[in-house]
Amino acid sequence: LFDQYDFDAVIHFAASKAVGESVREPLRYYRNNLTSFMNVVELM
């Protein structure tokens, strides 16, 4: 994606977002929310 498109900025929304669900499934929230964000920042 970063190779295909020429963009000047990123707005990062991609994350799981429900408080109650995160209490029930903490590992899914840590894996998704942290990995996705670090991928974006590293590629930037």
All heavy atoms as atom14 arrays in JSON, in Angstrom:
{
  "sequence": "LFDQYDFDAVIHFAASKAVGESVREPLRYYRNNLTSFMNVVELM",
  "atom14_mask": [
    [1, 1, 1, 1, 1, 1, 1, 1, 0, 0, 0, 0, 0, 0],
    [1, 1, 1, 1, 1, 1, 1, 1, 1, 1, 1, 0, 0, 0],
    [1, 1, 1, 1, 1, 1, 1, 1, 0, 0, 0, 0, 0, 0],
    [1, 1, 1, 1, 1, 1, 1, 1, 1, 0, 0, 0, 0, 0],
    [1, 1, 1, 1, 1, 1, 1, 1, 1, 1, 1, 1, 0, 0],
    [1, 1, 1, 1, 1, 1, 1, 1, 0, 0, 0, 0, 0, 0],
    [1, 1, 1, 1, 1, 1, 1, 1, 1, 1, 1, 0, 0, 0],
    [1, 1, 1, 1, 1, 1, 1, 1, 0, 0, 0, 0, 0, 0],
    [1, 1, 1, 1, 1, 0, 0, 0, 0, 0, 0, 0, 0, 0],
    [1, 1, 1, 1, 1, 1, 1, 0, 0, 0, 0, 0, 0, 0],
    [1, 1, 1, 1, 1, 1, 1, 1, 0, 0, 0, 0, 0, 0],
    [1, 1, 1, 1, 1, 1, 1, 1, 1, 1, 0, 0, 0, 0],
    [1, 1, 1, 1, 1, 1, 1, 1, 1, 1, 1, 0, 0, 0],
    [1, 1, 1, 1, 1, 0, 0, 0, 0, 0, 0, 0, 0, 0],
    [1, 1, 1, 1, 1, 0, 0, 0, 0, 0, 0, 0, 0, 0],
    [1, 1, 1, 1, 1, 1, 0, 0, 0, 0, 0, 0, 0, 0],
    [1, 1, 1, 1, 1, 1, 1, 1, 1, 0, 0, 0, 0, 0],
    [1, 1, 1, 1, 1, 0, 0, 0, 0, 0, 0, 0, 0, 0],
    [1, 1, 1, 1, 1, 1, 1, 0, 0, 0, 0, 0, 0, 0],
    [1, 1, 1, 1, 0, 0, 0, 0, 0, 0, 0, 0, 0, 0],
    [1, 1, 1, 1, 1, 1, 1, 1, 1, 0, 0, 0, 0, 0],
    [1, 1, 1, 1, 1, 1, 0, 0, 0, 0, 0, 0, 0, 0],
    [1, 1, 1, 1, 1, 1, 1, 0, 0, 0, 0, 0, 0, 0],
    [1, 1, 1, 1, 1, 1, 1, 1, 1, 1, 1, 0, 0, 0],
    [1, 1, 1, 1, 1, 1, 1, 1, 1, 0, 0, 0, 0, 0],
    [1, 1, 1, 1, 1, 1, 1, 0, 0, 0, 0, 0, 0, 0],
    [1, 1, 1, 1, 1, 1, 1, 1, 0, 0, 0, 0, 0, 0],
    [1, 1, 1, 1, 1, 1, 1, 1, 1, 1, 1, 0, 0, 0],
    [1, 1, 1, 1, 1, 1, 1, 1, 1, 1, 1, 1, 0, 0],
    [1, 1, 1, 1, 1, 1, 1, 1, 1, 1, 1, 1, 0, 0],
    [1, 1, 1, 1, 1, 1, 1, 1, 1, 1, 1, 0, 0, 0],
    [1, 1, 1, 1, 1, 1, 1, 1, 0, 0, 0, 0, 0, 0],
    [1, 1, 1, 1, 1, 1, 1, 1, 0, 0, 0, 0, 0, 0],
    [1, 1, 1, 1, 1, 1, 1, 1, 0, 0, 0, 0, 0, 0],
    [1, 1, 1, 1, 1, 1, 1, 0, 0, 0, 0, 0, 0, 0],
    [1, 1, 1, 1, 1, 1, 0, 0, 0, 0, 0, 0, 0, 0],
    [1, 1, 1, 1, 1, 1, 1, 1, 1, 1, 1, 0, 0, 0],
    [1, 1, 1, 1, 1, 1, 1, 1, 0, 0, 0, 0, 0, 0],
    [1, 1, 1, 1, 1, 1, 1, 1, 0, 0, 0, 0, 0, 0],
    [1, 1, 1, 1, 1, 1, 1, 0, 0, 0, 0, 0, 0, 0],
    [1, 1, 1, 1, 1, 1, 1, 0, 0, 0, 0, 0, 0, 0],
    [1, 1, 1, 1, 1, 1, 1, 1, 1, 0, 0, 0, 0, 0],
    [1, 1, 1, 1, 1, 1, 1, 1, 0, 0, 0, 0, 0, 0],
    [1, 1, 1, 1, 1, 1, 1, 1, 0, 0, 0, 0, 0, 0]
  ],
  "atom14_positions": [
    [[0.83, -1.21, 0.0], [0.0, 0.0, 0.0], [0.87, 1.26, 0.0], [0.62, 2.2, -0.77], [-0.91, -0.01, 1.22], [-1.76, 1.24, 1.46], [-2.85, 1.36, 0.41], [-2.38, 1.22, 2.85], [0.0, 0.0, 0.0], [0.0, 0.0, 0.0], [0.0, 0.0, 0.0], [0.0, 0.0, 0.0], [0.0, 0.0, 0.0], [0.0, 0.0, 0.0]],
    [[1.87, 1.29, 0.84], [2.76, 2.45, 0.91], [3.54, 2.63, -0.38], [3.86, 3.76, -0.77], [3.71, 2.31, 2.1], [3.18, 2.86, 3.39], [2.1, 2.26, 4.04], [3.75, 3.98, 3.98], [1.61, 2.76, 5.23], [3.26, 4.49, 5.18], [2.18, 3.89, 5.8], [0.0, 0.0, 0.0], [0.0, 0.0, 0.0], [0.0, 0.0, 0.0]],
    [[3.86, 1.53, -1.06], [4.58, 1.62, -2.33], [3.66, 2.09, -3.47], [4.1, 2.76, -4.4], [5.17, 0.25, -2.71], [6.34, -0.15, -1.82], [6.91, 0.76, -1.15], [6.68, -1.34, -1.8], [0.0, 0.0, 0.0], [0.0, 0.0, 0.0], [0.0, 0.0, 0.0], [0.0, 0.0, 0.0], [0.0, 0.0, 0.0], [0.0, 0.0, 0.0]],
    [[2.37, 1.75, -3.37], [1.44, 2.02, -4.47], [0.96, 3.46, -4.51], [0.78, 4.04, -5.58], [0.23, 1.08, -4.37], [-0.78, 1.26, -5.5], [-1.94, 0.27, -5.4], [-1.99, -0.57, -4.49], [-2.88, 0.38, -6.33], [0.0, 0.0, 0.0], [0.0, 0.0, 0.0], [0.0, 0.0, 0.0], [0.0, 0.0, 0.0], [0.0, 0.0, 0.0]],
    [[0.74, 4.07, -3.32], [0.11, 5.38, -3.27], [1.06, 6.44, -2.71], [1.82, 6.17, -1.78], [-1.16, 5.33, -2.42], [-2.28, 4.54, -3.06], [-2.5, 3.21, -2.71], [-3.09, 5.11, -4.04], [-3.51, 2.47, -3.3], [-4.11, 4.38, -4.64], [-4.31, 3.06, -4.27], [-5.31, 2.33, -4.87], [0.0, 0.0, 0.0], [0.0, 0.0, 0.0]],
    [[0.96, 7.62, -3.28], [1.78, 8.75, -2.84], [0.92, 9.65, -1.95], [0.13, 10.45, -2.43], [2.26, 9.54, -4.07], [3.14, 10.72, -3.68], [3.68, 10.71, -2.56], [3.27, 11.65, -4.5], [0.0, 0.0, 0.0], [0.0, 0.0, 0.0], [0.0, 0.0, 0.0], [0.0, 0.0, 0.0], [0.0, 0.0, 0.0], [0.0, 0.0, 0.0]],
    [[1.08, 9.5, -0.64], [0.31, 10.33, 0.29], [1.23, 11.09, 1.21], [2.37, 10.7, 1.45], [-0.71, 9.49, 1.07], [-0.17, 8.22, 1.65], [0.48, 8.22, 2.87], [-0.32, 7.02, 0.98], [0.99, 7.06, 3.4], [0.2, 5.84, 1.5], [0.85, 5.86, 2.72], [0.0, 0.0, 0.0], [0.0, 0.0, 0.0], [0.0, 0.0, 0.0]],
    [[0.72, 12.21, 1.73], [1.52, 13.12, 2.53], [1.32, 12.94, 4.03], [2.11, 13.46, 4.83], [1.16, 14.57, 2.17], [1.26, 14.82, 0.67], [2.37, 15.1, 0.21], [0.23, 14.73, -0.03], [0.0, 0.0, 0.0], [0.0, 0.0, 0.0], [0.0, 0.0, 0.0], [0.0, 0.0, 0.0], [0.0, 0.0, 0.0], [0.0, 0.0, 0.0]],
    [[0.23, 12.29, 4.41], [-0.12, 12.16, 5.83], [-0.98, 10.92, 6.02], [-1.58, 10.41, 5.07], [-0.86, 13.4, 6.31], [0.0, 0.0, 0.0], [0.0, 0.0, 0.0], [0.0, 0.0, 0.0], [0.0, 0.0, 0.0], [0.0, 0.0, 0.0], [0.0, 0.0, 0.0], [0.0, 0.0, 0.0], [0.0, 0.0, 0.0], [0.0, 0.0, 0.0]],
    [[-1.04, 10.48, 7.27], [-1.86, 9.32, 7.65], [-2.75, 9.72, 8.82], [-2.29, 10.39, 9.75], [-1.0, 8.11, 8.06], [-1.88, 6.93, 8.47], [-0.05, 7.71, 6.94], [0.0, 0.0, 0.0], [0.0, 0.0, 0.0], [0.0, 0.0, 0.0], [0.0, 0.0, 0.0], [0.0, 0.0, 0.0], [0.0, 0.0, 0.0], [0.0, 0.0, 0.0]],
    [[-4.02, 9.32, 8.75], [-4.9, 9.35, 9.93], [-5.17, 7.9, 10.28], [-5.72, 7.15, 9.46], [-6.21, 10.11, 9.68], [-5.94, 11.54, 9.24], [-7.07, 10.09, 10.95], [-7.21, 12.34, 8.93], [0.0, 0.0, 0.0], [0.0, 0.0, 0.0], [0.0, 0.0, 0.0], [0.0, 0.0, 0.0], [0.0, 0.0, 0.0], [0.0, 0.0, 0.0]],
    [[-4.78, 7.5, 11.48], [-4.87, 6.09, 11.86], [-6.07, 5.86, 12.78], [-6.05, 6.23, 13.96], [-3.59, 5.64, 12.56], [-3.58, 4.18, 12.9], [-3.56, 3.18, 11.94], [-3.62, 3.54, 14.1], [-3.58, 2.01, 12.52], [-3.61, 2.18, 13.84], [0.0, 0.0, 0.0], [0.0, 0.0, 0.0], [0.0, 0.0, 0.0], [0.0, 0.0, 0.0]],
    [[-7.11, 5.24, 12.2], [-8.29, 4.85, 12.97], [-8.34, 3.35, 13.23], [-9.08, 2.9, 14.12], [-9.57, 5.19, 12.19], [-9.86, 6.65, 12.05], [-9.74, 7.27, 10.82], [-10.29, 7.41, 13.12], [-10.03, 8.62, 10.67], [-10.57, 8.76, 12.99], [-10.44, 9.37, 11.76], [0.0, 0.0, 0.0], [0.0, 0.0, 0.0], [0.0, 0.0, 0.0]],
    [[-7.61, 2.56, 12.44], [-7.79, 1.11, 12.43], [-7.45, 0.51, 13.79], [-6.29, 0.36, 14.15], [-6.93, 0.49, 11.34], [0.0, 0.0, 0.0], [0.0, 0.0, 0.0], [0.0, 0.0, 0.0], [0.0, 0.0, 0.0], [0.0, 0.0, 0.0], [0.0, 0.0, 0.0], [0.0, 0.0, 0.0], [0.0, 0.0, 0.0], [0.0, 0.0, 0.0]],
    [[-8.49, 0.17, 14.56], [-8.3, -0.42, 15.89], [-9.62, -1.01, 16.36], [-10.69, -0.55, 15.97], [-7.83, 0.64, 16.89], [0.0, 0.0, 0.0], [0.0, 0.0, 0.0], [0.0, 0.0, 0.0], [0.0, 0.0, 0.0], [0.0, 0.0, 0.0], [0.0, 0.0, 0.0], [0.0, 0.0, 0.0], [0.0, 0.0, 0.0], [0.0, 0.0, 0.0]],
    [[-9.52, -2.02, 17.19], [-10.71, -2.52, 17.89], [-11.04, -1.52, 18.99], [-10.14, -0.97, 19.62], [-10.44, -3.9, 18.47], [-10.06, -4.8, 17.45], [0.0, 0.0, 0.0], [0.0, 0.0, 0.0], [0.0, 0.0, 0.0], [0.0, 0.0, 0.0], [0.0, 0.0, 0.0], [0.0, 0.0, 0.0], [0.0, 0.0, 0.0], [0.0, 0.0, 0.0]],
    [[-12.34, -1.3, 19.28], [-12.67, -0.09, 20.03], [-13.7, -0.24, 21.15], [-14.07, 0.77, 21.76], [-13.19, 0.96, 19.05], [-14.47, 0.54, 18.33], [-14.99, 1.62, 17.4], [-16.33, 1.23, 16.81], [-16.9, 2.3, 15.97], [0.0, 0.0, 0.0], [0.0, 0.0, 0.0], [0.0, 0.0, 0.0], [0.0, 0.0, 0.0], [0.0, 0.0, 0.0]],
    [[-14.16, -1.41, 21.47], [-15.22, -1.55, 22.47], [-14.63, -1.85, 23.84], [-13.9, -2.83, 24.02], [-16.2, -2.65, 22.07], [0.0, 0.0, 0.0], [0.0, 0.0, 0.0], [0.0, 0.0, 0.0], [0.0, 0.0, 0.0], [0.0, 0.0, 0.0], [0.0, 0.0, 0.0], [0.0, 0.0, 0.0], [0.0, 0.0, 0.0], [0.0, 0.0, 0.0]],
    [[-14.96, -1.01, 24.83], [-14.41, -1.15, 26.17], [-14.75, -2.52, 26.77], [-13.88, -3.26, 27.23], [-14.93, -0.02, 27.08], [-14.58, -0.3, 28.54], [-14.35, 1.32, 26.65], [0.0, 0.0, 0.0], [0.0, 0.0, 0.0], [0.0, 0.0, 0.0], [0.0, 0.0, 0.0], [0.0, 0.0, 0.0], [0.0, 0.0, 0.0], [0.0, 0.0, 0.0]],
    [[-16.04, -2.87, 26.78], [-16.46, -4.12, 27.39], [-15.85, -5.33, 26.72], [-15.42, -6.29, 27.38], [0.0, 0.0, 0.0], [0.0, 0.0, 0.0], [0.0, 0.0, 0.0], [0.0, 0.0, 0.0], [0.0, 0.0, 0.0], [0.0, 0.0, 0.0], [0.0, 0.0, 0.0], [0.0, 0.0, 0.0], [0.0, 0.0, 0.0], [0.0, 0.0, 0.0]],
    [[-15.82, -5.32, 25.4], [-15.23, -6.42, 24.65], [-13.75, -6.57, 24.96], [-13.22, -7.67, 25.06], [-15.43, -6.19, 23.16], [-14.95, -7.32, 22.27], [-15.18, -7.03, 20.81], [-14.61, -6.05, 20.29], [-15.94, -7.78, 20.16], [0.0, 0.0, 0.0], [0.0, 0.0, 0.0], [0.0, 0.0, 0.0], [0.0, 0.0, 0.0], [0.0, 0.0, 0.0]],
    [[-13.06, -5.44, 25.13], [-11.63, -5.5, 25.42], [-11.35, -6.14, 26.78], [-10.32, -6.79, 26.97], [-11.01, -4.1, 25.36], [-11.28, -3.34, 26.53], [0.0, 0.0, 0.0], [0.0, 0.0, 0.0], [0.0, 0.0, 0.0], [0.0, 0.0, 0.0], [0.0, 0.0, 0.0], [0.0, 0.0, 0.0], [0.0, 0.0, 0.0], [0.0, 0.0, 0.0]],
    [[-12.27, -5.97, 27.72], [-12.12, -6.6, 29.03], [-12.23, -8.12, 28.89], [-11.52, -8.88, 29.54], [-13.17, -6.06, 30.02], [-13.14, -6.83, 31.33], [-12.95, -4.56, 30.28], [0.0, 0.0, 0.0], [0.0, 0.0, 0.0], [0.0, 0.0, 0.0], [0.0, 0.0, 0.0], [0.0, 0.0, 0.0], [0.0, 0.0, 0.0], [0.0, 0.0, 0.0]],
    [[-13.1, -8.55, 27.99], [-13.3, -9.99, 27.78], [-12.2, -10.6, 26.9], [-11.88, -11.79, 27.06], [-14.66, -10.24, 27.12], [-15.85, -9.84, 27.97], [-17.15, -10.34, 27.35], [-17.38, -9.79, 26.02], [-18.0, -8.63, 25.78], [-18.41, -7.88, 26.79], [-18.19, -8.21, 24.54], [0.0, 0.0, 0.0], [0.0, 0.0, 0.0], [0.0, 0.0, 0.0]],
    [[-11.65, -9.82, 25.96], [-10.68, -10.34, 25.0], [-9.44, -9.45, 24.94], [-9.14, -8.85, 23.9], [-11.32, -10.44, 23.61], [-12.55, -11.3, 23.53], [-13.12, -11.35, 22.13], [-12.39, -11.78, 21.2], [-14.27, -10.94, 21.93], [0.0, 0.0, 0.0], [0.0, 0.0, 0.0], [0.0, 0.0, 0.0], [0.0, 0.0, 0.0], [0.0, 0.0, 0.0]],
    [[-8.71, -9.35, 26.03], [-7.59, -8.4, 26.07], [-6.49, -8.68, 25.06], [-5.96, -7.76, 24.44], [-7.07, -8.51, 27.51], [-7.56, -9.84, 28.0], [-8.87, -10.06, 27.31], [0.0, 0.0, 0.0], [0.0, 0.0, 0.0], [0.0, 0.0, 0.0], [0.0, 0.0, 0.0], [0.0, 0.0, 0.0], [0.0, 0.0, 0.0], [0.0, 0.0, 0.0]],
    [[-6.12, -9.96, 24.86], [-5.02, -10.26, 23.96], [-5.32, -9.84, 22.53], [-4.44, -9.35, 21.81], [-4.68, -11.75, 24.01], [-3.96, -12.21, 25.27], [-3.74, -13.72, 25.24], [-2.63, -11.49, 25.42], [0.0, 0.0, 0.0], [0.0, 0.0, 0.0], [0.0, 0.0, 0.0], [0.0, 0.0, 0.0], [0.0, 0.0, 0.0], [0.0, 0.0, 0.0]],
    [[-6.57, -10.03, 22.1], [-6.95, -9.6, 20.74], [-6.78, -8.1, 20.59], [-6.32, -7.62, 19.55], [-8.39, -10.01, 20.43], [-8.82, -9.61, 19.04], [-10.07, -10.36, 18.62], [-11.27, -9.85, 19.23], [-12.0, -8.83, 18.73], [-11.59, -8.2, 17.64], [-13.1, -8.44, 19.33], [0.0, 0.0, 0.0], [0.0, 0.0, 0.0], [0.0, 0.0, 0.0]],
    [[-7.13, -7.34, 21.62], [-7.02, -5.89, 21.56], [-5.56, -5.45, 21.53], [-5.17, -4.57, 20.75], [-7.78, -5.24, 22.72], [-9.2, -4.96, 22.34], [-10.11, -6.0, 22.13], [-9.65, -3.66, 22.14], [-11.41, -5.74, 21.74], [-10.95, -3.39, 21.77], [-11.83, -4.44, 21.57], [-13.12, -4.19, 21.17], [0.0, 0.0, 0.0], [0.0, 0.0, 0.0]],
    [[-4.73, -6.06, 22.38], [-3.31, -5.68, 22.37], [-2.67, -6.03, 21.03], [-1.93, -5.23, 20.46], [-2.58, -6.37, 23.52], [-2.9, -5.77, 24.87], [-3.47, -6.55, 25.88], [-2.65, -4.43, 25.14], [-3.78, -5.99, 27.12], [-2.95, -3.87, 26.37], [-3.52, -4.66, 27.36], [-3.83, -4.11, 28.57], [0.0, 0.0, 0.0], [0.0, 0.0, 0.0]],
    [[-2.93, -7.21, 20.52], [-2.3, -7.65, 19.28], [-2.74, -6.74, 18.12], [-1.9, -6.25, 17.35], [-2.66, -9.1, 18.97], [-2.0, -9.63, 17.7], [-2.36, -11.09, 17.44], [-1.86, -11.96, 18.51], [-2.64, -12.57, 19.41], [-3.95, -12.4, 19.38], [-2.12, -13.33, 20.33], [0.0, 0.0, 0.0], [0.0, 0.0, 0.0], [0.0, 0.0, 0.0]],
    [[-4.02, -6.5, 17.98], [-4.52, -5.74, 16.85], [-4.14, -4.26, 16.94], [-3.59, -3.68, 16.0], [-6.04, -5.87, 16.74], [-6.6, -5.13, 15.55], [-6.28, -5.46, 14.41], [-7.42, -4.12, 15.8], [0.0, 0.0, 0.0], [0.0, 0.0, 0.0], [0.0, 0.0, 0.0], [0.0, 0.0, 0.0], [0.0, 0.0, 0.0], [0.0, 0.0, 0.0]],
    [[-4.41, -3.64, 18.07], [-4.25, -2.2, 18.17], [-2.78, -1.77, 18.16], [-2.44, -0.73, 17.59], [-4.95, -1.67, 19.41], [-6.46, -1.79, 19.32], [-6.99, -2.38, 18.37], [-7.17, -1.25, 20.29], [0.0, 0.0, 0.0], [0.0, 0.0, 0.0], [0.0, 0.0, 0.0], [0.0, 0.0, 0.0], [0.0, 0.0, 0.0], [0.0, 0.0, 0.0]],
    [[-1.92, -2.56, 18.8], [-0.52, -2.18, 18.84], [0.22, -2.53, 17.55], [0.98, -1.73, 17.01], [0.17, -2.82, 20.04], [-0.38, -2.44, 21.41], [0.4, -3.15, 22.52], [-0.36, -0.94, 21.64], [0.0, 0.0, 0.0], [0.0, 0.0, 0.0], [0.0, 0.0, 0.0], [0.0, 0.0, 0.0], [0.0, 0.0, 0.0], [0.0, 0.0, 0.0]],
    [[-0.02, -3.73, 17.03], [0.68, -4.15, 15.81], [0.32, -3.27, 14.63], [1.19, -2.85, 13.87], [0.35, -5.62, 15.49], [0.72, -6.44, 16.6], [1.11, -6.08, 14.25], [0.0, 0.0, 0.0], [0.0, 0.0, 0.0], [0.0, 0.0, 0.0], [0.0, 0.0, 0.0], [0.0, 0.0, 0.0], [0.0, 0.0, 0.0], [0.0, 0.0, 0.0]],
    [[-0.97, -2.98, 14.47], [-1.39, -2.16, 13.34], [-0.76, -0.78, 13.41], [-0.27, -0.24, 12.4], [-2.92, -2.05, 13.3], [-3.43, -1.41, 14.47], [0.0, 0.0, 0.0], [0.0, 0.0, 0.0], [0.0, 0.0, 0.0], [0.0, 0.0, 0.0], [0.0, 0.0, 0.0], [0.0, 0.0, 0.0], [0.0, 0.0, 0.0], [0.0, 0.0, 0.0]],
    [[-0.71, -0.2, 14.6], [-0.15, 1.15, 14.74], [1.35, 1.15, 14.48], [1.88, 2.03, 13.79], [-0.47, 1.7, 16.13], [0.01, 3.11, 16.33], [-0.51, 4.15, 15.59], [0.98, 3.4, 17.27], [-0.07, 5.45, 15.77], [1.42, 4.7, 17.46], [0.89, 5.72, 16.7], [0.0, 0.0, 0.0], [0.0, 0.0, 0.0], [0.0, 0.0, 0.0]],
    [[2.06, 0.18, 15.04], [3.51, 0.14, 14.83], [3.86, -0.1, 13.37], [4.83, 0.47, 12.85], [4.14, -0.91, 15.74], [4.16, -0.48, 17.21], [5.12, -1.57, 18.29], [4.06, -3.01, 18.33], [0.0, 0.0, 0.0], [0.0, 0.0, 0.0], [0.0, 0.0, 0.0], [0.0, 0.0, 0.0], [0.0, 0.0, 0.0], [0.0, 0.0, 0.0]],
    [[3.08, -0.91, 12.68], [3.31, -1.09, 11.25], [3.2, 0.23, 10.49], [4.04, 0.55, 9.64], [2.31, -2.1, 10.66], [2.7, -3.54, 10.91], [3.84, -3.84, 11.27], [1.76, -4.45, 10.72], [0.0, 0.0, 0.0], [0.0, 0.0, 0.0], [0.0, 0.0, 0.0], [0.0, 0.0, 0.0], [0.0, 0.0, 0.0], [0.0, 0.0, 0.0]],
    [[2.17, 1.0, 10.8], [1.98, 2.29, 10.13], [3.15, 3.22, 10.4], [3.72, 3.82, 9.47], [0.65, 2.93, 10.57], [0.57, 4.39, 10.12], [-0.54, 2.16, 10.03], [0.0, 0.0, 0.0], [0.0, 0.0, 0.0], [0.0, 0.0, 0.0], [0.0, 0.0, 0.0], [0.0, 0.0, 0.0], [0.0, 0.0, 0.0], [0.0, 0.0, 0.0]],
    [[3.54, 3.36, 11.66], [4.6, 4.31, 12.01], [5.93, 3.88, 11.42], [6.7, 4.7, 10.89], [4.69, 4.48, 13.54], [5.86, 5.37, 13.91], [3.4, 5.08, 14.09], [0.0, 0.0, 0.0], [0.0, 0.0, 0.0], [0.0, 0.0, 0.0], [0.0, 0.0, 0.0], [0.0, 0.0, 0.0], [0.0, 0.0, 0.0], [0.0, 0.0, 0.0]],
    [[6.23, 2.6, 11.47], [7.5, 2.12, 10.91], [7.57, 2.33, 9.41], [8.61, 2.73, 8.87], [7.69, 0.63, 11.25], [8.06, 0.38, 12.7], [8.11, -1.09, 13.04], [7.56, -1.92, 12.29], [8.72, -1.42, 14.07], [0.0, 0.0, 0.0], [0.0, 0.0, 0.0], [0.0, 0.0, 0.0], [0.0, 0.0, 0.0], [0.0, 0.0, 0.0]],
    [[6.46, 2.11, 8.72], [6.44, 2.32, 7.27], [6.5, 3.8, 6.92], [7.06, 4.17, 5.89], [5.22, 1.65, 6.66], [5.32, 0.12, 6.57], [3.97, -0.49, 6.26], [6.35, -0.27, 5.5], [0.0, 0.0, 0.0], [0.0, 0.0, 0.0], [0.0, 0.0, 0.0], [0.0, 0.0, 0.0], [0.0, 0.0, 0.0], [0.0, 0.0, 0.0]],
    [[5.93, 4.65, 7.76], [6.07, 6.09, 7.55], [7.54, 6.48, 7.62], [8.04, 7.26, 6.8], [5.24, 6.86, 8.57], [3.74, 6.76, 8.35], [2.81, 7.68, 9.59], [3.3, 9.37, 9.21], [0.0, 0.0, 0.0], [0.0, 0.0, 0.0], [0.0, 0.0, 0.0], [0.0, 0.0, 0.0], [0.0, 0.0, 0.0], [0.0, 0.0, 0.0]]
  ]
}
